[in-house]
Amino acid sequence: METVIKTVSGDAAYITEQEFSSVDDAYHNRNPLTNVKATVSDIRINNTKYKLKNENTNERRDRQPNS
């Protein structure tokens, strides 16, 4: 049996929202009324890699797709 580790790297665009009781508090990021909520609006995958993990020695070998 073999284990394959898939690693995907890329970029993400996100939006955060948090409530404050005044503009001054929001500007200085102090005394928030809520926890910050982050929403991912877009992602771009730049690279995908597959690594074959050797179960006997825990070594990893790089393997390209379709090879």
Protein backbone atom coordinates (compact mmCIF):
# COMPACT_ATOMS: atom_id res chain seq x y z
CA MET A 1 0.00 0.00 0.00
CA GLU A 2 1.26 3.48 -0.80
CA THR A 3 0.39 6.89 0.53
CA VAL A 4 0.36 9.90 -1.77
CA ILE A 5 0.58 13.44 -0.45
CA LYS A 6 -1.07 16.06 -2.65
CA THR A 7 0.02 19.69 -2.16
CA VAL A 8 -1.86 22.51 -3.89
CA SER A 9 -0.48 26.06 -3.78
CA GLY A 10 -2.03 29.24 -5.08
CA ASP A 11 -3.50 32.60 -4.23
CA ALA A 12 -6.76 33.56 -2.57
CA ALA A 13 -8.76 36.77 -2.48
CA TYR A 14 -10.75 37.28 0.68
CA ILE A 15 -13.04 39.72 2.48
CA THR A 16 -13.16 40.19 6.25
CA GLU A 17 -15.93 41.73 8.35
CA GLN A 18 -15.99 42.71 12.00
CA GLU A 19 -18.27 44.94 14.04
CA PHE A 20 -17.12 47.85 16.22
CA SER A 21 -19.03 50.42 18.26
CA SER A 22 -17.38 53.44 16.59
CA VAL A 23 -15.40 54.45 13.52
CA ASP A 24 -12.44 55.30 15.76
CA ASP A 25 -12.42 51.81 17.31
CA ALA A 26 -12.68 50.21 13.88
CA TYR A 27 -9.89 52.39 12.49
CA HIS A 28 -7.57 51.49 15.37
CA ASN A 29 -8.80 47.88 15.49
CA ARG A 30 -9.67 48.00 19.19
CA ASN A 31 -12.61 46.78 21.26
CA PRO A 32 -14.30 44.65 18.57
CA LEU A 33 -17.89 43.60 19.25
CA THR A 34 -17.61 40.42 17.17
CA ASN A 35 -14.91 38.03 16.01
CA VAL A 36 -13.55 38.65 12.54
CA LYS A 37 -15.35 36.71 9.80
CA ALA A 38 -13.36 35.90 6.65
CA THR A 39 -14.92 34.87 3.34
CA VAL A 40 -12.86 33.60 0.42
CA SER A 41 -14.12 35.27 -2.74
CA ASP A 42 -11.76 33.78 -5.34
CA ILE A 43 -8.91 31.29 -5.57
CA ARG A 44 -6.28 30.60 -8.20
CA ILE A 45 -4.33 27.35 -8.21
CA ASN A 46 -0.74 27.92 -9.31
CA ASN A 47 0.77 24.50 -8.78
CA THR A 48 -0.17 20.95 -7.79
CA LYS A 49 2.44 18.46 -6.61
CA TYR A 50 2.17 14.79 -5.72
CA LYS A 51 4.63 13.07 -3.37
CA LEU A 52 4.87 9.35 -2.87
CA LYS A 53 5.54 8.60 0.78
CA ASN A 54 7.70 5.54 1.40
CA GLU A 55 5.90 3.72 4.21
CA ASN A 56 9.04 1.87 5.35
CA THR A 57 11.33 4.86 5.91
CA ASN A 58 8.88 7.81 5.86
CA GLU A 59 10.94 9.29 3.01
CA ARG A 60 9.14 11.27 0.34
CA ARG A 61 9.83 11.12 -3.38
CA ASP A 62 8.52 13.73 -5.79
CA ARG A 63 6.36 12.31 -8.54
CA GLN A 64 4.91 14.29 -11.42
CA PRO A 65 1.36 13.50 -12.60
CA ASN A 66 1.09 11.06 -15.52
CA SER A 67 4.61 9.68 -15.05
